[in-house]
Structure formats: structure tokens, C-alpha cells
Protein backbone atom coordinates (compact mmCIF):
# COMPACT_ATOMS: atom_id res chain seq x y z
CA MET A 1 10.31 -9.34 28.52
CA ILE A 2 8.48 -7.48 25.84
CA VAL A 3 4.78 -6.97 25.89
CA GLY A 4 2.85 -6.60 22.73
CA LEU A 5 -0.77 -5.22 22.52
CA ASP A 6 -2.87 -5.31 19.50
CA MET A 7 -6.05 -3.04 19.87
CA GLY A 8 -8.45 -4.66 17.22
CA GLY A 9 -11.68 -3.33 16.60
CA THR A 10 -13.36 -6.77 18.07
CA HIS A 11 -10.21 -7.70 20.29
CA VAL A 12 -7.72 -6.64 22.40
CA ASP A 13 -4.90 -9.16 22.09
CA ALA A 14 -1.83 -8.95 24.42
CA VAL A 15 1.24 -11.14 24.57
CA ILE A 16 4.59 -11.17 26.82
CA ILE A 17 7.79 -12.77 25.33
CA GLU A 18 10.93 -13.48 27.20
CA ASP A 19 13.96 -14.90 26.06
CA GLY A 20 12.08 -15.78 22.34
CA ARG A 21 9.41 -17.37 23.93
CA ILE A 22 5.61 -16.65 24.19
CA ILE A 23 5.12 -17.08 28.17
CA ASN A 24 1.73 -15.35 28.53
CA THR A 25 -1.54 -14.35 26.42
CA VAL A 26 -4.65 -12.84 26.61
CA LYS A 27 -7.69 -12.00 24.29
CA LYS A 28 -10.58 -9.95 25.45
CA PRO A 29 -13.24 -7.97 23.89
CA THR A 30 -12.92 -4.24 22.92
CA ASN A 31 -15.38 -1.81 24.50
CA ARG A 32 -14.66 1.16 22.00
CA ASP A 33 -16.80 3.08 24.34
CA ASN A 34 -14.09 2.77 27.36
CA LEU A 35 -10.76 2.38 25.71
CA PHE A 36 -9.13 2.89 29.25
CA GLU A 37 -10.95 -0.04 30.63
CA SER A 38 -9.93 -2.26 27.57
CA ILE A 39 -6.42 -1.67 27.83
CA TRP A 40 -6.49 -1.39 31.57
CA ASN A 41 -8.45 -5.12 32.17
CA THR A 42 -6.36 -6.77 29.59
CA LEU A 43 -2.69 -5.32 30.96
CA GLU A 44 -4.05 -6.27 34.54
CA GLU A 45 -4.87 -9.68 33.52
CA LEU A 46 -1.60 -10.42 31.34
CA LEU A 47 0.58 -9.13 33.80
CA LYS A 48 -0.82 -10.63 36.99
CA GLY A 49 1.83 -12.88 38.60
CA TYR A 50 4.61 -11.64 36.58
CA ASP A 51 7.72 -9.09 37.76
CA LYS A 52 6.65 -5.73 36.10
CA SER A 53 10.20 -4.56 36.50
CA LYS A 54 11.60 -6.99 34.01
CA ILE A 55 9.40 -5.44 31.12
CA LYS A 56 11.74 -3.85 29.13
CA ARG A 57 9.14 -2.23 26.34
CA ILE A 58 5.16 -2.33 25.60
CA ASN A 59 4.76 -2.49 21.60
CA LEU A 60 1.21 -1.36 20.89
CA SER A 61 -0.71 -1.50 17.51
CA THR A 62 -4.22 0.03 17.22
CA THR A 63 -6.97 0.93 14.83
CA VAL A 64 -8.26 4.13 16.63
CA SER A 65 -7.05 6.59 13.98
CA THR A 66 -8.24 4.12 11.20
CA ASN A 67 -11.57 3.94 12.56
CA ALA A 68 -11.93 7.42 12.85
CA ILE A 69 -11.31 8.06 9.34
CA VAL A 70 -13.60 5.51 7.99
CA GLU A 71 -16.34 5.76 10.43
CA ASN A 72 -16.10 9.76 10.02
CA THR A 73 -15.60 10.93 13.56
CA THR A 74 -12.64 12.58 12.89
CA SER A 75 -12.14 16.17 14.30
CA PRO A 76 -12.95 19.02 12.11
CA VAL A 77 -9.99 20.86 10.63
CA GLY A 78 -9.00 24.30 9.10
CA MET A 79 -6.72 23.96 6.47
CA ILE A 80 -4.56 27.09 5.49
CA ILE A 81 -2.91 26.21 1.85
CA GLN A 82 -0.46 28.27 -0.34
CA SER A 83 -1.00 26.27 -3.92
CA GLY A 84 0.93 28.93 -6.08
CA PRO A 85 0.24 29.68 -9.37
CA GLY A 86 -0.95 27.27 -12.15
CA LEU A 87 -2.77 24.53 -9.79
CA PRO A 88 -6.45 24.42 -9.56
CA GLN A 89 -7.48 24.54 -5.84
CA ASP A 90 -11.00 22.47 -5.77
CA PHE A 91 -9.44 19.07 -5.66
CA LEU A 92 -7.20 20.33 -2.72
CA THR A 93 -9.98 21.39 -0.66
CA CYS A 94 -10.25 18.55 2.16
CA GLY A 95 -10.84 20.61 5.61
CA GLU A 96 -14.23 21.75 7.58
CA GLU A 97 -12.74 25.11 6.02
CA ASN A 98 -10.21 25.62 3.47
CA VAL A 99 -8.34 29.09 2.83
CA PHE A 100 -6.34 29.52 0.03
CA ILE A 101 -3.53 32.08 0.58
CA SER A 102 -1.17 34.15 -1.85
CA GLY A 103 2.24 34.10 -1.95
CA TYR A 104 4.74 31.25 -3.90
CA ILE A 105 7.84 29.44 -2.76
CA ASP A 106 9.73 27.93 -6.20
CA HIS A 107 11.24 24.16 -6.36
CA ARG A 108 14.42 25.48 -5.19
CA GLY A 109 13.17 27.04 -2.19
CA THR A 110 13.34 30.87 -3.52
CA ILE A 111 10.84 33.14 -1.74
CA VAL A 112 9.07 34.56 -5.30
CA GLU A 113 6.25 36.11 -3.50
CA ASN A 114 5.49 36.51 0.38
CA TRP A 115 2.25 35.65 2.30
CA ASN A 116 -0.15 38.14 3.16
CA PRO A 117 -0.62 38.49 6.92
CA LYS A 118 -4.56 40.15 6.37
CA GLU A 119 -5.21 36.66 4.71
CA ILE A 120 -4.52 34.98 8.03
CA LYS A 121 -6.35 37.21 10.14
CA GLU A 122 -9.16 36.36 8.28
CA ALA A 123 -8.61 32.63 8.37
CA ILE A 124 -8.03 33.31 12.27
CA ASN A 125 -11.70 34.86 12.56
CA ILE A 126 -13.29 32.07 10.43
CA PHE A 127 -11.68 29.19 12.46
CA LYS A 128 -12.67 31.29 15.79
CA ASP A 129 -16.38 31.18 14.44
CA LYS A 130 -16.49 27.91 13.58
CA ASP A 131 -15.08 26.69 16.84
CA ILE A 132 -12.09 24.80 14.84
CA ASP A 133 -8.88 24.34 16.91
CA SER A 134 -7.30 21.83 14.68
CA ILE A 135 -5.55 23.74 11.91
CA ALA A 136 -3.12 22.23 8.88
CA ILE A 137 -0.84 24.56 7.26
CA VAL A 138 0.87 23.67 3.81
CA THR A 139 2.67 25.48 1.60
CA LYS A 140 4.17 24.28 -1.96
CA PHE A 141 7.50 23.43 -1.67
CA SER A 142 7.59 23.78 2.05
CA THR A 143 10.05 20.62 1.89
CA ARG A 144 12.67 22.87 0.07
CA ASN A 145 11.93 26.12 2.56
CA PRO A 146 9.55 26.13 5.36
CA SER A 147 9.76 29.62 6.40
CA HIS A 148 6.14 30.38 4.89
CA GLU A 149 4.65 27.46 6.92
CA LEU A 150 6.54 28.32 10.31
CA GLU A 151 5.67 32.27 10.01
CA VAL A 152 2.43 31.48 9.77
CA LYS A 153 2.04 28.96 12.29
CA GLU A 154 3.73 31.93 14.56
CA MET A 155 0.73 34.17 13.65
CA LEU A 156 -1.70 31.64 14.40
CA GLU A 157 -0.01 31.21 17.98
CA THR A 158 -0.01 34.99 18.60
CA ASN A 159 -3.58 35.49 17.70
CA GLY A 160 -5.75 32.59 18.89
CA THR A 161 -5.41 29.08 20.82
CA PHE A 162 -4.75 26.45 18.49
CA PRO A 163 -3.40 23.23 20.40
CA ASN A 164 -2.97 21.24 17.28
CA ILE A 165 -1.05 22.64 14.26
CA THR A 166 0.15 20.42 11.54
CA LEU A 167 3.18 21.81 9.23
CA GLY A 168 3.28 20.05 5.92
CA HIS A 169 6.94 20.08 5.91
CA THR A 170 7.31 17.67 8.62
CA MET A 171 5.14 15.28 7.32
CA SER A 172 7.62 14.09 4.72
CA GLY A 173 10.45 15.09 2.57
CA LYS A 174 8.84 13.58 -0.49
CA LEU A 175 7.89 15.95 -3.29
CA ASN A 176 3.99 15.70 -3.97
CA PHE A 177 1.87 18.49 -2.94
CA PRO A 178 -1.31 17.14 -3.40
CA ARG A 179 -0.60 14.00 -0.87
CA ARG A 180 1.18 16.44 1.17
CA VAL A 181 -2.02 18.44 1.43
CA TYR A 182 -4.16 15.16 2.72
CA THR A 183 -1.42 13.77 4.81
CA SER A 184 -1.33 16.95 6.96
CA TYR A 185 -5.11 17.09 6.55
CA LEU A 186 -5.54 13.57 8.46
CA ASN A 187 -2.90 14.43 10.86
CA SER A 188 -4.72 16.97 12.62
CA ALA A 189 -8.10 15.32 11.84
CA VAL A 190 -7.28 12.25 14.21
CA ASN A 191 -4.79 14.13 16.62
CA ASP A 192 -7.52 14.44 19.27
CA THR A 193 -8.58 10.93 18.83
CA PHE A 194 -5.06 9.41 18.95
CA ASN A 195 -4.34 11.56 21.99
CA ASP A 196 -7.04 10.71 23.84
CA PHE A 197 -6.22 7.15 23.19
CA SER A 198 -2.56 8.26 24.22
CA ASN A 199 -3.74 9.12 27.76
CA ASN A 200 -5.67 6.44 27.94
CA ILE A 201 -2.52 4.05 28.02
CA LYS A 202 -0.71 6.31 30.08
CA LYS A 203 -3.66 5.99 32.49
CA SER A 204 -3.64 2.41 32.37
CA MET A 205 -0.14 2.14 32.93
CA GLU A 206 -0.07 4.31 35.86
CA ARG A 207 -2.89 2.33 37.43
CA GLU A 208 -0.73 -0.91 37.03
CA GLY A 209 2.42 0.99 38.12
CA LEU A 210 4.36 0.30 34.86
CA LYS A 211 7.14 3.15 34.13
CA THR A 212 8.21 0.93 30.52
CA PRO A 213 8.63 2.84 27.61
CA VAL A 214 5.72 2.53 24.96
CA TYR A 215 5.99 2.26 21.47
CA ILE A 216 3.21 2.50 18.62
CA LEU A 217 3.71 0.50 15.35
CA LYS A 218 3.44 2.37 12.27
CA ALA A 219 1.90 1.88 8.59
CA ASP A 220 5.27 0.18 7.35
CA GLY A 221 5.84 -2.45 10.11
CA GLY A 222 8.09 -0.39 12.07
CA THR A 223 7.48 1.22 15.56
CA MET A 224 8.07 5.00 17.36
CA ASN A 225 8.07 6.22 20.57
CA LEU A 226 4.59 7.50 21.97
CA SER A 227 5.57 10.99 22.13
CA THR A 228 6.16 10.80 18.39
CA ALA A 229 3.08 9.11 17.69
CA GLU A 230 1.33 11.97 19.35
CA GLU A 231 3.10 14.53 17.06
CA LYS A 232 2.23 12.57 13.96
CA PRO A 233 -0.87 10.29 14.74
CA VAL A 234 -1.47 9.91 10.58
CA GLU A 235 1.31 7.66 10.98
CA THR A 236 -0.33 5.06 12.81
CA ILE A 237 -3.05 4.89 10.19
CA LEU A 238 -3.07 1.01 9.43
CA SER A 239 -0.97 0.09 12.08
CA GLY A 240 -3.39 -2.89 13.23
CA PRO A 241 -2.58 -4.52 9.45
CA ALA A 242 1.00 -3.92 10.12
CA ALA A 243 0.87 -5.93 13.09
CA SER A 244 -0.84 -8.85 11.28
CA PHE A 245 1.89 -8.86 8.91
CA MET A 246 4.46 -8.58 11.64
CA GLY A 247 3.32 -11.36 13.53
CA ILE A 248 2.97 -13.76 10.50
CA ASN A 249 6.29 -12.89 9.60
CA ALA A 250 7.70 -13.74 13.15
CA MET A 251 5.88 -16.77 13.37
CA LEU A 252 5.85 -18.77 9.97
CA PRO A 253 8.72 -19.28 7.32
CA GLY A 254 8.30 -17.28 4.01
CA ASP A 255 11.22 -17.18 1.70
CA GLU A 256 9.40 -17.22 -1.64
CA ASP A 257 5.86 -15.67 -3.25
CA ALA A 258 3.19 -16.05 -0.46
CA ILE A 259 -0.04 -15.19 0.30
CA LEU A 260 -0.53 -13.94 3.82
CA LEU A 261 -3.91 -13.94 5.55
CA ASP A 262 -5.20 -12.30 8.85
CA ILE A 263 -8.80 -13.08 9.39
CA GLY A 264 -10.06 -11.31 12.20
CA GLY A 265 -13.45 -10.62 13.88
CA THR A 266 -14.54 -7.49 11.72
CA THR A 267 -11.94 -7.63 8.79
CA ALA A 268 -9.87 -9.97 6.53
CA ASP A 269 -6.29 -8.45 5.72
CA ILE A 270 -4.50 -9.51 2.52
CA PHE A 271 -0.95 -9.24 2.39
CA PHE A 272 1.89 -10.96 -0.28
CA LEU A 273 5.36 -11.42 -0.20
CA ALA A 274 7.58 -11.53 -3.50
CA ASP A 275 10.67 -14.06 -2.98
CA GLY A 276 10.07 -13.60 1.00
CA VAL A 277 9.74 -9.72 1.21
CA PRO A 278 6.86 -7.76 1.89
CA LEU A 279 5.03 -5.77 -0.81
CA PHE A 280 5.73 -2.08 -0.17
CA GLU A 281 3.23 1.17 -1.17
CA PRO A 282 5.89 3.29 -3.20
CA LEU A 283 4.12 6.79 -2.84
CA GLY A 284 2.40 6.30 0.52
CA ILE A 285 -1.13 4.69 1.41
CA LYS A 286 -4.69 5.56 0.53
CA ILE A 287 -7.26 5.77 3.25
CA ASP A 288 -10.81 6.25 2.58
CA LYS A 289 -10.45 9.03 -0.37
CA TYR A 290 -7.27 10.49 1.07
CA LYS A 291 -3.88 9.75 -1.08
CA THR A 292 -1.43 9.96 1.57
CA LEU A 293 2.42 10.30 1.99
CA VAL A 294 2.53 7.60 4.75
CA ARG A 295 4.82 4.94 4.11
CA ALA A 296 2.98 1.27 4.48
CA ILE A 297 3.45 -2.40 3.80
CA TYR A 298 1.36 -3.12 1.25
CA SER A 299 -2.26 -4.59 2.34
CA LEU A 300 -5.88 -4.89 1.48
CA SER A 301 -8.53 -5.10 4.06
CA ILE A 302 -12.22 -6.24 2.93
CA GLY A 303 -15.33 -6.65 5.48
CA LEU A 304 -15.13 -10.14 6.25
CA GLY A 305 -14.52 -11.76 9.41
CA GLY A 306 -15.44 -14.40 12.14
CA ASP A 307 -18.37 -11.58 13.42
CA SER A 308 -19.27 -10.67 10.14
CA SER A 309 -23.41 -10.74 9.84
CA ILE A 310 -24.87 -13.26 7.50
CA SER A 311 -28.34 -12.59 5.37
CA ILE A 312 -29.64 -14.68 2.56
CA LYS A 313 -31.10 -12.45 -0.61
CA ASP A 314 -32.13 -13.83 -3.40
CA GLY A 315 -31.28 -17.39 -2.46
CA LYS A 316 -27.71 -16.56 -1.95
CA ILE A 317 -25.37 -15.95 1.20
CA LYS A 318 -24.23 -12.66 1.80
CA ILE A 319 -21.54 -12.47 4.54
CA GLY A 320 -20.32 -8.82 5.78
CA PRO A 321 -18.96 -6.08 5.39
CA ARG A 322 -20.99 -5.05 8.57
CA ARG A 323 -20.54 -6.57 12.21
CA GLU A 324 -23.72 -6.06 13.88
CA GLY A 325 -22.21 -7.32 17.16
CA VAL A 326 -20.96 -10.67 18.78
CA PRO A 327 -21.90 -14.23 17.37
CA TYR A 328 -25.57 -15.20 17.88
CA ALA A 329 -24.17 -17.95 19.76
CA PHE A 330 -22.82 -15.51 22.24
CA GLY A 331 -26.01 -13.37 22.55
CA GLY A 332 -25.49 -11.53 19.22
CA PRO A 333 -28.23 -10.47 16.96
CA ALA A 334 -27.51 -11.88 13.69
CA PRO A 335 -25.51 -15.34 12.14
CA THR A 336 -22.20 -14.97 11.86
CA PRO A 337 -19.25 -17.48 10.66
CA THR A 338 -18.39 -18.06 14.12
CA ASP A 339 -21.59 -19.46 14.80
CA ALA A 340 -21.34 -21.55 11.57
CA MET A 341 -17.95 -23.11 13.14
CA ILE A 342 -19.48 -23.68 16.86
CA THR A 343 -22.09 -25.49 15.09
CA LEU A 344 -19.49 -27.94 13.36
CA GLY A 345 -17.69 -28.73 16.65
CA LEU A 346 -14.72 -26.26 15.35
CA MET A 347 -15.11 -23.95 17.99
CA GLU A 348 -16.16 -23.43 21.48
CA GLY A 349 -19.15 -21.83 22.54
CA GLN A 350 -22.89 -22.28 22.90
CA LYS A 351 -23.43 -24.88 20.22
CA GLU A 352 -27.34 -25.22 20.92
CA LYS A 353 -27.83 -21.36 20.18
CA ALA A 354 -25.54 -21.64 16.90
CA TYR A 355 -27.13 -24.80 15.87
CA GLU A 356 -30.78 -23.02 16.09
CA ILE A 357 -29.62 -19.96 13.82
CA MET A 358 -27.78 -22.14 11.56
CA GLU A 359 -30.89 -24.62 11.14
CA SER A 360 -33.29 -21.35 10.74
CA MET A 361 -30.87 -19.90 7.93
CA GLY A 362 -30.70 -23.58 6.54
CA LYS A 363 -34.89 -23.82 6.12
CA LYS A 364 -34.89 -21.03 4.00
CA LEU A 365 -32.79 -22.88 1.24
CA ASN A 366 -34.14 -26.22 2.24
CA ILE A 367 -30.60 -27.51 3.66
CA SER A 368 -30.00 -28.70 7.46
CA ALA A 369 -27.89 -26.68 9.87
CA GLU A 370 -24.97 -28.54 9.25
CA GLU A 371 -25.03 -28.06 5.41
CA MET A 372 -26.02 -24.71 6.02
CA ALA A 373 -22.77 -24.09 8.42
CA ASN A 374 -20.12 -25.64 5.85
CA LEU A 375 -21.92 -23.39 2.87
CA ILE A 376 -21.11 -20.29 4.82
CA LEU A 377 -17.37 -21.29 5.36
CA ASP A 378 -17.22 -22.52 1.80
CA THR A 379 -18.48 -19.01 0.87
CA MET A 380 -16.00 -17.24 3.33
CA ALA A 381 -13.21 -19.13 1.54
CA ASN A 382 -14.67 -18.30 -2.17
CA MET A 383 -14.78 -14.66 -1.03
CA ILE A 384 -11.29 -14.46 -0.08
CA LYS A 385 -9.95 -16.36 -3.13
CA ASP A 386 -11.86 -14.41 -5.32
CA LYS A 387 -10.41 -10.77 -4.15
CA VAL A 388 -7.00 -12.27 -3.68
CA ASP A 389 -7.22 -13.33 -7.45
CA LYS A 390 -8.63 -9.83 -8.45
CA VAL A 391 -5.51 -8.16 -6.60
CA LEU A 392 -3.01 -10.59 -7.86
CA LYS A 393 -3.97 -9.50 -11.13
CA GLU A 394 -3.68 -5.85 -10.40
CA ILE A 395 -0.12 -6.20 -8.80
CA ASN A 396 1.13 -8.00 -11.47
CA SER A 397 -0.21 -5.67 -14.36
CA GLN A 398 2.59 -3.12 -12.61
CA PRO A 399 5.94 -2.72 -11.40
CA VAL A 400 6.27 -4.64 -8.20
CA TYR A 401 7.78 -2.52 -5.35
CA THR A 402 9.28 -4.41 -1.67
CA VAL A 403 10.63 -3.00 1.02
CA LYS A 404 14.29 -3.54 -0.39
CA GLU A 405 13.75 -2.65 -3.85
CA LEU A 406 11.76 -2.43 -7.17
CA LEU A 407 11.64 -5.59 -9.17
CA TYR A 408 10.97 -4.76 -12.67
CA GLY A 409 9.35 -7.96 -14.65
CA LYS A 410 8.57 -9.82 -11.63
CA THR A 411 5.38 -12.08 -11.44
CA ILE A 412 3.81 -12.87 -8.13
CA GLU A 413 2.89 -16.72 -8.00
CA PRO A 414 2.21 -17.61 -4.87
CA LYS A 415 3.51 -20.81 -3.48
CA LEU A 416 1.96 -20.86 -0.21
CA ILE A 417 -0.27 -19.45 2.54
CA ASN A 418 0.15 -18.22 5.88
CA ILE A 419 -2.81 -17.41 8.12
CA ILE A 420 -3.56 -15.91 11.28
CA GLY A 421 -6.53 -14.85 13.25
CA GLY A 422 -9.31 -16.33 15.33
CA PRO A 423 -10.59 -18.65 12.37
CA ALA A 424 -7.18 -19.68 11.31
CA LYS A 425 -7.37 -23.03 12.12
CA VAL A 426 -10.78 -23.68 10.68
CA LEU A 427 -10.62 -21.91 7.72
CA ALA A 428 -7.00 -23.52 6.37
CA PRO A 429 -7.98 -26.68 5.34
CA ILE A 430 -10.59 -24.85 3.36
CA LEU A 431 -8.33 -22.55 1.65
CA GLU A 432 -5.86 -25.23 0.80
CA LYS A 433 -8.55 -26.57 -1.50
CA LYS A 434 -9.55 -23.42 -2.86
CA PHE A 435 -6.21 -22.23 -3.71
CA HIS A 436 -4.66 -25.63 -4.24
CA LEU A 437 -1.63 -24.46 -2.02
CA PRO A 438 -0.44 -25.28 1.31
CA CYS A 439 -1.88 -23.46 4.07
CA TYR A 440 0.02 -22.99 7.38
CA TYR A 441 -0.81 -21.30 10.50
CA PRO A 442 1.41 -21.16 13.86
CA ASP A 443 0.99 -22.04 17.36
CA LYS A 444 -1.09 -19.05 19.38
CA TYR A 445 -2.70 -17.70 15.91
CA GLU A 446 -5.05 -16.01 17.88
CA VAL A 447 -2.77 -13.43 19.20
CA ALA A 448 -0.23 -13.11 16.35
CA ASN A 449 -1.28 -9.77 15.94
CA ALA A 450 -0.05 -8.84 19.41
CA VAL A 451 3.10 -10.64 18.96
CA GLY A 452 3.53 -8.75 15.54
CA ALA A 453 3.31 -5.56 17.42
CA ALA A 454 5.92 -6.97 20.12
CA LEU A 455 8.58 -7.90 18.11
CA ALA A 456 8.68 -4.87 15.34
CA LYS A 457 11.82 -2.73 15.36
CA PRO A 458 11.60 1.02 15.03
CA THR A 459 11.66 2.47 11.49
CA THR A 460 12.20 5.91 10.09
CA GLU A 461 12.83 7.14 6.62
CA ILE A 462 14.81 10.63 5.69
CA ASN A 463 14.64 12.60 2.27
CA MET A 464 17.60 14.64 1.94
CA LEU A 465 18.13 17.52 -0.73
CA VAL A 466 21.82 19.37 -1.01
CA ASP A 467 21.90 22.54 -3.48
CA THR A 468 25.49 23.61 -3.39
CA ALA A 469 24.56 26.41 -5.48
CA LYS A 470 22.70 27.77 -2.90
CA GLY A 471 24.96 26.48 0.07
CA ILE A 472 21.71 24.72 1.92
CA LEU A 473 21.18 20.94 3.28
CA THR A 474 17.66 20.04 3.68
CA ILE A 475 15.87 17.08 5.69
CA PRO A 476 12.29 18.15 6.18
CA GLU A 477 11.50 15.09 8.63
CA LEU A 478 13.90 16.10 11.16
CA GLU A 479 13.33 19.84 10.37
CA ILE A 480 17.12 20.40 9.35
CA TYR A 481 18.22 22.99 7.30
CA GLU A 482 22.10 23.51 7.18
CA LYS A 483 24.42 25.73 5.17
CA VAL A 484 27.09 23.78 3.39
CA SER A 485 29.84 25.01 1.10
CA LYS A 486 29.74 25.03 -2.51
CA LYS A 487 32.23 22.19 -2.53
CA TYR A 488 30.31 19.59 -0.49
CA THR A 489 30.81 16.42 -2.08
CA PHE A 490 28.19 13.41 -2.85
CA GLU A 491 30.08 11.34 -0.81
CA SER A 492 30.03 13.53 2.35
CA ALA A 493 26.00 13.67 1.52
CA LYS A 494 25.76 10.12 1.68
CA LYS A 495 28.01 9.58 4.91
CA ARG A 496 25.66 12.65 6.30
CA ALA A 497 22.12 11.15 5.66
CA MET A 498 23.45 7.45 7.04
CA GLU A 499 24.37 9.19 10.51
CA LEU A 500 21.12 11.25 10.70
CA VAL A 501 18.83 8.34 9.73
CA LYS A 502 20.66 6.31 12.31
CA GLU A 503 20.40 9.23 15.08
CA SER A 504 16.68 9.71 14.23
CA ALA A 505 16.15 5.93 14.65
CA LEU A 506 17.92 5.92 18.02
CA ASN A 507 15.78 8.85 19.13
CA LEU A 508 12.76 6.64 18.25
CA GLY A 509 13.86 3.94 20.68
CA ALA A 510 15.95 1.70 18.77
CA GLU A 511 18.82 0.25 20.13
CA GLU A 512 22.20 0.22 18.52
CA ASP A 513 22.82 -3.25 17.40
CA GLN A 514 19.22 -3.50 15.98
CA ILE A 515 19.39 -0.71 13.42
CA GLU A 516 19.69 -1.71 9.59
CA ALA A 517 20.27 1.80 7.67
CA GLU A 518 20.58 1.72 4.13
CA ILE A 519 20.17 4.54 1.28
CA ILE A 520 17.46 3.47 -0.97
CA GLU A 521 17.61 6.44 -3.50
CA GLU A 522 20.53 8.75 -4.77
CA SER A 523 21.07 11.06 -7.58
CA SER A 524 23.53 13.90 -8.43
CA PHE A 525 23.39 16.14 -11.25
CA ASN A 526 25.19 19.60 -12.18
CA MET A 527 23.31 22.54 -12.41
CA VAL A 528 24.46 24.96 -15.28
CA ARG A 529 24.17 28.59 -15.66
CA GLY A 530 25.06 29.87 -18.81
CA PHE A 531 28.32 27.74 -19.89
CA PHE A 532 29.15 27.19 -16.37
CA THR A 533 28.43 24.56 -13.87
CA SER A 534 27.14 26.92 -10.56
CA GLY A 535 26.88 24.03 -8.66
CA GLN A 536 25.52 20.29 -7.53
CA ASN A 537 22.08 19.15 -6.89
CA MET A 538 22.24 15.95 -4.57
CA ARG A 539 18.94 13.98 -3.51
CA ILE A 540 19.12 10.97 -1.06
CA LYS A 541 17.04 8.82 0.73
CA ALA A 542 17.85 6.78 3.31
CA GLN A 543 15.96 4.60 5.84
CA VAL A 544 16.19 2.30 8.49
CA LYS A 545 13.94 -0.85 7.09
CA PRO A 546 11.41 -2.69 8.97
CA GLY A 547 12.40 -5.85 10.77
CA LEU A 548 11.64 -8.06 13.78
CA ILE A 549 13.72 -7.56 17.23
CA TYR A 550 13.82 -11.56 16.43
CA ASP A 551 11.48 -14.34 15.23
CA LEU A 552 9.66 -16.98 16.74
CA ARG A 553 9.83 -19.54 13.91
CA GLY A 554 10.24 -23.15 14.75
CA ASP A 555 11.15 -24.69 18.01
CA SER A 556 11.16 -21.12 19.93
CA ILE A 557 7.23 -20.91 19.50
CA ASP A 558 5.83 -21.54 23.43
């Protein structure tokens, strides 16, 4: 058995899947003030009557890191940044305190100038005075040589108590110094939030008597084990939308250009398929104002969901982006699209209360309660279509990146819509008319996110650089810095990359027969000094790509 949990901003969705069939589902409100209670109550109800010893793994997606960033409830971070010469510093400031230090490592990993211990002592005093214990240390070209970051970290640990220190070179092997700074900042900023969440998971499992391994969904649609997530919580940003995508992919067919939608209680998440393959962020996601190196499935979230508050301004309906609480029909403070659905008999709930608020709003526009409800759903569909049309225009004006490849000259022309989430069944026929496209939703559409989380496989990516002139092989993500001979070949490097990316996936909890490893970028060129070749520079990117343990399409859905 596999258990999937999706910790959304509105609900906790949970499923048990056994032998390719969904055998139990639970959907409960999220208590954001008491996540332990939310997790434990959900697990308790989900697993009642089932043999817990049969549970092979628990896969979990969560919005806690994303919410902390968007709602500005992250921990204060002290940044130590070594930017080197010729780079403006102002745009790199992102922490509560930002200390720029001297020293420099060049693009080949050669130390040009050492760092100054006096500057680090001053930084330590600043952080202590401000009660900052979350730190990020980022030096330029640390992916080529991490020695300055490691030495500065050692000095911090010797001279103070800083339980949470992020090193830039461990975040990604990609070259992009500003993105590395922001990624490192966010990793430290959400560390306390995520680890509090992680501790709640462990407490809930302990109370339920579960000793099953736990995996967290990443933004790229893959999973990592809980201990890795505690070290790199930034990877869990947009974990929720990734679960949405994987759920749609697991439950509905899609081998052509398509629009994928997850309409939740608070937000609507939008995705696209190009020839059946998900679009991908080529450099990394942007969250709030920060561009990162966190690899991710391309998605867009808008503040539009079943529980979005509705108002009328200047004779026009305004839905979202805020959620004031539960729908009016369930005792909430404001009307919502869910109230419109209940009024029309399209969803269960306290119809009298829903009708009452629709009637009250309808009077402002001189229409009946039913007309008001229909107008709200029509407006909701228009908002989704307008956003999809705008985003598609942007996507089609530039190269299309997918999980597999870069598609030159590709124009995405959707042939269908796949939709999940609480309002999916209600909105499907309305969206069909708006888009003039068939719109499909699966059985168990209400808990598809949890299905996506449950069935996601571990993924990982490594970036290898080999400099035979200097005799070194580096893989920053794995903190590997090995010596190689000047005769080290390109074929040997590619073979080593494939071995290591598979080993990395196994360490994240992947099973041998589920690993699909591939090299997605490779280049090698001679390095010339004077009139002679001094060595080779090899760059290789390998990945275990996102995928499903198995899908539930067709008759396999319970």
C-alpha cells in the first residue's frame, strides 16, 4: 500500500492506493494553526481498519514553504556573500542582514584572493546582536571550488550557535550566481517553518504507530526522503502544484497539447502539455520576487478557487484573490463560488444559506438568486480562460522547454482540458463552452492531488564539471570533488555521471527498477594555452526524470 497526503491551504487530501487501485480517500479541513492535529486526524481516519504494516511508503506534498514566503512569515536570515570584483551588490541583498566580504574564486575554481577572518567576526557579532540564527553563505563560483564557503561555515560554527547554515554550492550545480544567492536565502528562510512541519509529521506517525518511510514532493514532480527535505526545504516550494500535475497525469490520458487545471479552495493551478509532455522551467522557478535555481514543472497559480470571496464593485462581480474563510453556506463571512454551486444544486451543502446570500447579491444587479449563481460560475470560467489565453501567448512567443527537451519552433495548440479539484465536475461543462474544447475530469477528482503525491517517483539532477588540466571532477549537488588524470576521457565522465545520478536517486528512496536516468546536456572542448592543448573541459548534466510509479488511467481507477 502507498499513502498519499496533500497538505493544501484549505484541505488535507489523503488516499490509500493498493495494487493500482484507490481503496480509501479522506478530505478534511486544514487547521493552519495546528498542523499536527490536521495531519494526525487525517491519518487516523484514513488508516482506520487497514493493516498499517502493509504501508510501503507515505508520499506527501505541502504548501507550508510556499505559504511562508508568500505571506512573509519566514525566519530572518543573515547573508554572507562573496561577489568578487565587477559585480554590483545592491540587487543581491535579500536577507535581514547582508554582509559582503572580500576574496574571490575565478570561473575555473582558482583562489585569486582569500577571505578576511576579521570580516566574518564582524558578521557574527551583527547576527548575534539581531538574534539571527539562520545563515546563508554564498561565494561566486563555489560550484567550481567550495573551499571559501566551507571555511567560513567552520568559523561560524566555532564562534557561535547557528543551527541553520545553507551553503550556496549545495543548492545546485548550475552556474547563475544571483539565482544561487536567492535560492540559498530562501532555503534558510523556510528552514524553521519546514522543520516544524516535519516534526509534526513525525509526531503524527509516532502516535499512529507508523514506521514507514516518508517522502516529500518536490517542485519538479519528483520526491525526496524527509531527511533530505529537512536539509533542502527550498526544494518543496510549489510542492502542491507539482502534486496537482502528477495527479492529473496519473488519472487522465494526455498524449497531445493540453491545458491542465487544478481548481482548489484557494487557488487555481494551470499547467500545459506539449505533445503529452509537461512544460518545464529551464532555469528554475520564480517565487514572490526571487528567481531561483529550483527546477520545477511549469505552473501558474491564480487566487481563484471554490472558497474565494466574492464582491460586487461598480456593477461587476469580483472573485478572489483572497479567501476570507469557509463558504457562507458553511458559516463563513463572505459569498463564494461554492455557495453558487450549492444554490444550483450542483454541490451538497446548506442550500438555504447559500440561496440567501445569492439572493442578497442578486438584488444589487436586479437578478434572481439562480441567475446570480450562474453569473458567478460564468465569471469564474471567463477568468480562467483569460489567464490561460494570456499565458499561452507568452509561452508561444519563446522557446518551449519540456521535461525531455527544448522544442524549437513549437506552438502549443491545446486539443483538450483535463481538470481536477473540488469544483472540477461543475466547471467542466462551462469550460468546454468557453474554450470550445473537450474537458475531462477523473473519478476521485476531489483528491487527485493526493493521488499525484502518492504515485510520484524520486527525481534528482546532477551537474558535472571535469577540468583535466587541473585534474579535478566536481559535482556540487553531491559535494563531490575528485582528482582525475589528464587522460580522463569524455566517455568515462558520462559513465561516471550516470552511475552517480542513479546512486543519488537510490539515496533519495528510489527503487532500482524505477530509475530512468539520462544525460540531458553534454559538451567537451579543448583548453589551449599558447600553441598547445593543456586539457579538456567537460560539462555533463544528468537527471532521473519525473515520472509515476504507475498510472491509474482507465479501468484501474476504483
